[in-house]
Amino acid sequence: MDSEAVLAVFDQQMRRDAAAESPGGVVERVGGVVRQVGAEHEWNGVVWSDLDEDTADAAIAAQVRHFTSRGLEFEWKLYSHDRPADLGDRLRAAGFVPEPPETLLVARVEDLPVEVRLPDGVRLVPVTDEAGLDLVTAVHEQVFGTDGSRLRQRMLDRLTTDPESLSVVLAMAGEQPVCAARLEFNPGTAFAGLWGGGTLPEWRGRGIYRAMVAHRAHIAAERGYRYLQVDASDQSSPILRRLGFAALSTTTPYLHQP
């Protein structure tokens, strides 16, 4: 895989030409910025910017005014190859708070294993209703230690209005959910996205996360997607690299509170 070429396609399809990722979201292109604006529980933020040293500060201030006037928290999704080089410093100076960076990993779907191997007593269950989303949210909150109510609402919105755009799955040990993950489809692009993939601590090291990746890779292949994309934490990155994912960039969420 030509990482530089794939990164250029990713920037074009998933950022510059981004489509709204939620039913109520609207993508707006203003000057050198591409942003999504939606309801309070939806993801709001900047997905792409084409700025330089002379235009960056004014563009940042304009986005702060835009989202703050609507009372919305928003995220400036900064990639390490974005310009100007000091854009992160400028965001911090404007009141943004960075979260831990993640690695943008991409793999060709055809290169990934699709055989699902689970430990004894564990099965995969598709999530299609609110009861399933309650279990997914519970896993999310236990694994990541953050409130999952907004994520639950976003998933419910998509399953209700556009169920073909999302595939959610639980790994169940008996009646206990031990891992949750989702696959998000981006029509008109070459990329499907892996999200979630959180496994309860006592169930790690048994191949469940790897099985979740294989399960979703199989679905992506059936749907004709060429690449899988992950914003990977330090925990998942080593597993994904062993499966064949390559690092194309790093991404840091910069959050601004209204």
Protein backbone atom coordinates (compact mmCIF):
# COMPACT_ATOMS: atom_id res chain seq x y z
CA MET A 1 0.00 0.00 0.00
CA ASP A 2 1.31 3.43 -0.99
CA SER A 3 0.74 5.24 2.33
CA GLU A 4 1.29 8.72 0.93
CA ALA A 5 -1.19 8.17 -1.90
CA VAL A 6 -3.79 6.62 0.42
CA LEU A 7 -3.44 9.54 2.85
CA ALA A 8 -4.13 11.95 -0.01
CA VAL A 9 -7.28 10.00 -0.91
CA PHE A 10 -8.34 9.95 2.75
CA ASP A 11 -7.90 13.71 3.05
CA GLN A 12 -9.92 14.27 -0.10
CA GLN A 13 -12.78 11.86 0.51
CA MET A 14 -13.12 11.87 4.29
CA ARG A 15 -12.16 15.45 5.10
CA ARG A 16 -12.30 17.97 2.24
CA ASP A 17 -15.36 16.31 0.67
CA ALA A 18 -16.79 15.05 3.97
CA ALA A 19 -20.44 14.11 4.22
CA ALA A 20 -22.46 14.60 7.39
CA GLU A 21 -21.88 11.69 9.74
CA SER A 22 -25.23 12.03 11.52
CA PRO A 23 -28.82 12.33 10.25
CA GLY A 24 -29.20 15.84 11.66
CA GLY A 25 -25.73 17.06 10.75
CA VAL A 26 -24.92 19.58 8.04
CA VAL A 27 -21.50 19.99 6.44
CA GLU A 28 -20.55 23.60 5.78
CA ARG A 29 -17.57 24.93 3.83
CA VAL A 30 -16.50 28.39 4.90
CA GLY A 31 -13.26 29.82 3.60
CA GLY A 32 -10.51 27.33 4.34
CA VAL A 33 -12.56 25.29 6.81
CA VAL A 34 -14.90 22.31 6.46
CA ARG A 35 -17.10 21.78 9.52
CA GLN A 36 -20.07 19.71 10.65
CA VAL A 37 -22.88 21.35 12.60
CA GLY A 38 -25.65 19.35 14.22
CA ALA A 39 -27.68 18.90 17.37
CA GLU A 40 -26.08 19.06 20.80
CA HIS A 41 -25.75 15.28 21.13
CA GLU A 42 -24.24 14.93 17.65
CA TRP A 43 -20.60 15.36 16.72
CA ASN A 44 -19.82 19.00 15.98
CA GLY A 45 -16.48 20.14 14.72
CA VAL A 46 -13.91 20.97 12.09
CA VAL A 47 -12.88 18.04 9.90
CA TRP A 48 -10.59 19.86 7.47
CA SER A 49 -8.75 23.13 7.20
CA ASP A 50 -6.55 24.67 4.54
CA LEU A 51 -4.82 27.47 6.44
CA ASP A 52 -1.49 29.22 6.73
CA GLU A 53 0.26 31.50 9.21
CA ASP A 54 -1.68 34.52 7.94
CA THR A 55 -5.19 33.00 7.96
CA ALA A 56 -5.18 30.50 10.84
CA ASP A 57 -5.97 32.76 13.80
CA ALA A 58 -8.89 34.47 12.09
CA ALA A 59 -10.32 31.11 10.98
CA ILE A 60 -10.03 29.72 14.51
CA ALA A 61 -11.77 32.78 15.98
CA ALA A 62 -14.56 32.49 13.40
CA GLN A 63 -15.23 28.86 14.32
CA VAL A 64 -15.28 29.67 18.02
CA ARG A 65 -17.85 32.40 17.39
CA HIS A 66 -19.94 30.15 15.16
CA PHE A 67 -20.25 27.22 17.57
CA THR A 68 -20.33 29.29 20.76
CA SER A 69 -23.25 31.33 19.42
CA ARG A 70 -25.16 28.03 19.20
CA GLY A 71 -24.10 26.88 22.66
CA LEU A 72 -22.25 23.88 21.22
CA GLU A 73 -19.14 22.10 22.34
CA PHE A 74 -17.06 21.33 19.26
CA GLU A 75 -13.91 19.56 18.23
CA TRP A 76 -11.17 20.69 15.89
CA LYS A 77 -9.85 17.39 14.55
CA LEU A 78 -6.20 18.18 13.95
CA TYR A 79 -3.89 15.86 12.01
CA SER A 80 -0.12 15.96 12.32
CA HIS A 81 0.28 16.79 8.63
CA ASP A 82 -2.10 19.78 8.78
CA ARG A 83 -0.78 23.28 8.30
CA PRO A 84 0.41 25.62 9.61
CA ALA A 85 2.78 23.52 11.68
CA ASP A 86 1.91 25.40 14.87
CA LEU A 87 -1.87 25.03 14.44
CA GLY A 88 -2.11 23.07 17.68
CA ASP A 89 -0.41 25.88 19.62
CA ARG A 90 -2.81 28.39 18.07
CA LEU A 91 -5.80 26.26 19.07
CA ARG A 92 -4.59 26.03 22.66
CA ALA A 93 -4.09 29.79 22.74
CA ALA A 94 -7.73 30.17 21.64
CA GLY A 95 -9.01 28.09 24.55
CA PHE A 96 -9.06 24.60 23.05
CA VAL A 97 -8.06 21.64 25.23
CA PRO A 98 -6.27 18.74 23.51
CA GLU A 99 -7.20 15.15 24.25
CA PRO A 100 -4.68 12.30 23.90
CA PRO A 101 -3.47 11.85 20.31
CA GLU A 102 -4.44 8.79 18.32
CA THR A 103 -2.82 7.13 15.32
CA LEU A 104 -4.58 7.15 11.97
CA LEU A 105 -4.25 3.54 10.81
CA VAL A 106 -5.43 2.27 7.43
CA ALA A 107 -5.40 -1.17 5.84
CA ARG A 108 -6.60 -2.58 2.57
CA VAL A 109 -9.63 -4.74 3.29
CA GLU A 110 -8.36 -7.49 1.00
CA ASP A 111 -5.20 -7.80 3.13
CA LEU A 112 -7.02 -8.36 6.43
CA PRO A 113 -7.98 -11.67 8.04
CA VAL A 114 -11.75 -12.24 8.01
CA GLU A 115 -11.93 -15.52 9.92
CA VAL A 116 -13.57 -14.91 13.31
CA ARG A 117 -11.94 -16.91 16.11
CA LEU A 118 -13.50 -16.44 19.53
CA PRO A 119 -12.65 -18.01 22.89
CA ASP A 120 -14.94 -20.75 24.12
CA GLY A 121 -18.21 -19.45 25.48
CA VAL A 122 -18.07 -16.12 23.63
CA ARG A 123 -20.37 -15.29 20.71
CA LEU A 124 -20.99 -12.23 18.53
CA VAL A 125 -24.43 -10.64 18.57
CA PRO A 126 -25.55 -7.88 16.15
CA VAL A 127 -27.12 -4.82 17.77
CA THR A 128 -30.32 -3.55 16.15
CA ASP A 129 -32.43 -2.14 18.98
CA GLU A 130 -32.33 0.05 22.08
CA ALA A 131 -31.79 -2.86 24.45
CA GLY A 132 -28.62 -3.77 22.54
CA LEU A 133 -27.47 -0.15 22.56
CA ASP A 134 -27.89 -0.10 26.35
CA LEU A 135 -25.39 -2.97 26.56
CA VAL A 136 -23.00 -1.26 24.12
CA THR A 137 -23.16 1.91 26.21
CA ALA A 138 -22.49 -0.01 29.41
CA VAL A 139 -19.36 -1.57 27.87
CA HIS A 140 -18.21 1.82 26.58
CA GLU A 141 -18.55 3.43 30.00
CA GLN A 142 -16.74 0.59 31.77
CA VAL A 143 -13.88 0.45 29.27
CA PHE A 144 -13.29 4.13 28.56
CA GLY A 145 -14.56 5.65 31.80
CA THR A 146 -16.64 8.31 30.06
CA ASP A 147 -20.35 8.97 29.84
CA GLY A 148 -21.83 7.14 26.86
CA SER A 149 -25.24 8.79 26.66
CA ARG A 150 -24.41 11.02 23.68
CA LEU A 151 -22.80 8.11 21.82
CA ARG A 152 -25.90 6.01 22.50
CA GLN A 153 -28.15 8.72 21.06
CA ARG A 154 -25.98 9.09 17.96
CA MET A 155 -26.06 5.35 17.33
CA LEU A 156 -29.81 5.25 17.90
CA ASP A 157 -30.31 8.10 15.42
CA ARG A 158 -28.40 6.23 12.73
CA LEU A 159 -30.02 2.86 13.38
CA THR A 160 -33.44 4.53 13.25
CA THR A 161 -33.00 6.73 10.19
CA ASP A 162 -30.23 5.02 8.20
CA PRO A 163 -29.54 1.51 9.50
CA GLU A 164 -27.46 0.62 6.44
CA SER A 165 -24.85 3.19 7.46
CA LEU A 166 -23.85 1.44 10.68
CA SER A 167 -23.10 -2.06 11.95
CA VAL A 168 -22.85 -2.54 15.71
CA VAL A 169 -21.80 -5.78 17.37
CA LEU A 170 -21.42 -7.14 20.89
CA ALA A 171 -19.25 -9.99 22.13
CA MET A 172 -21.26 -11.85 24.76
CA ALA A 173 -20.00 -14.32 27.34
CA GLY A 174 -23.26 -15.93 28.37
CA GLU A 175 -25.45 -12.94 29.21
CA GLN A 176 -22.52 -10.62 29.93
CA PRO A 177 -21.36 -8.13 27.26
CA VAL A 178 -17.55 -8.18 27.24
CA CYS A 179 -16.71 -6.16 24.11
CA ALA A 180 -18.55 -3.72 21.85
CA ALA A 181 -17.61 -2.33 18.46
CA ARG A 182 -19.10 -0.67 15.43
CA LEU A 183 -18.39 -0.28 11.73
CA GLU A 184 -19.40 2.98 10.06
CA PHE A 185 -19.91 3.10 6.30
CA ASN A 186 -19.11 6.19 4.24
CA PRO A 187 -21.00 5.90 0.93
CA GLY A 188 -19.21 7.31 -2.08
CA THR A 189 -15.78 6.79 -0.51
CA ALA A 190 -13.28 3.95 -0.37
CA PHE A 191 -13.25 3.96 3.45
CA ALA A 192 -15.24 2.29 6.19
CA GLY A 193 -14.36 3.15 9.77
CA LEU A 194 -13.72 0.95 12.79
CA TRP A 195 -14.89 2.53 16.05
CA GLY A 196 -15.27 1.37 19.62
CA GLY A 197 -13.65 -2.00 19.99
CA GLY A 198 -13.55 -1.72 23.79
CA THR A 199 -12.99 -4.96 25.73
CA LEU A 200 -13.51 -5.32 29.47
CA PRO A 201 -10.11 -5.58 31.22
CA GLU A 202 -10.66 -9.10 32.54
CA TRP A 203 -11.41 -10.35 29.00
CA ARG A 204 -8.40 -8.84 27.24
CA GLY A 205 -5.64 -10.98 25.77
CA ARG A 206 -8.02 -13.67 24.52
CA GLY A 207 -8.37 -12.59 20.90
CA ILE A 208 -11.78 -10.91 21.18
CA TYR A 209 -10.63 -7.56 19.78
CA ARG A 210 -8.92 -9.32 16.87
CA ALA A 211 -12.14 -11.28 16.21
CA MET A 212 -14.11 -8.03 16.19
CA VAL A 213 -11.77 -6.62 13.55
CA ALA A 214 -12.10 -9.74 11.40
CA HIS A 215 -15.89 -9.67 11.71
CA ARG A 216 -16.06 -6.05 10.57
CA ALA A 217 -13.48 -6.56 7.81
CA HIS A 218 -15.68 -9.32 6.40
CA ILE A 219 -18.69 -6.99 6.36
CA ALA A 220 -16.67 -4.21 4.73
CA ALA A 221 -15.47 -6.61 2.04
CA GLU A 222 -19.05 -7.69 1.33
CA ARG A 223 -20.05 -4.03 0.99
CA GLY A 224 -17.23 -3.34 -1.47
CA TYR A 225 -15.07 -1.01 0.62
CA ARG A 226 -11.40 -0.89 -0.23
CA TYR A 227 -9.94 0.41 3.04
CA LEU A 228 -10.61 0.23 6.77
CA GLN A 229 -9.65 3.28 8.83
CA VAL A 230 -9.09 3.48 12.59
CA ASP A 231 -8.21 6.29 14.98
CA ALA A 232 -6.23 3.97 17.22
CA SER A 233 -5.28 4.34 20.86
CA ASP A 234 -1.95 3.12 22.21
CA GLN A 235 -3.74 -0.03 23.39
CA SER A 236 -5.24 -1.07 20.07
CA SER A 237 -2.51 0.21 17.77
CA PRO A 238 -0.07 -2.72 18.30
CA ILE A 239 -2.80 -5.29 17.59
CA LEU A 240 -3.93 -3.49 14.45
CA ARG A 241 -0.37 -3.11 13.14
CA ARG A 242 0.16 -6.84 13.53
CA LEU A 243 -2.99 -7.41 11.49
CA GLY A 244 -1.62 -5.28 8.63
CA PHE A 245 -2.69 -1.71 9.37
CA ALA A 246 -0.22 1.06 8.52
CA ALA A 247 0.17 4.39 10.29
CA LEU A 248 -0.54 7.35 7.98
CA SER A 249 -0.69 10.23 10.47
CA THR A 250 -1.65 11.08 14.02
CA THR A 251 -4.82 12.91 15.00
CA THR A 252 -5.52 14.97 18.11
CA PRO A 253 -9.01 16.13 19.15
CA TYR A 254 -8.94 19.76 20.34
CA LEU A 255 -12.13 20.46 22.30
CA HIS A 256 -13.75 23.84 22.86
CA GLN A 257 -16.51 24.33 25.43
CA PRO A 258 -19.18 27.02 24.86
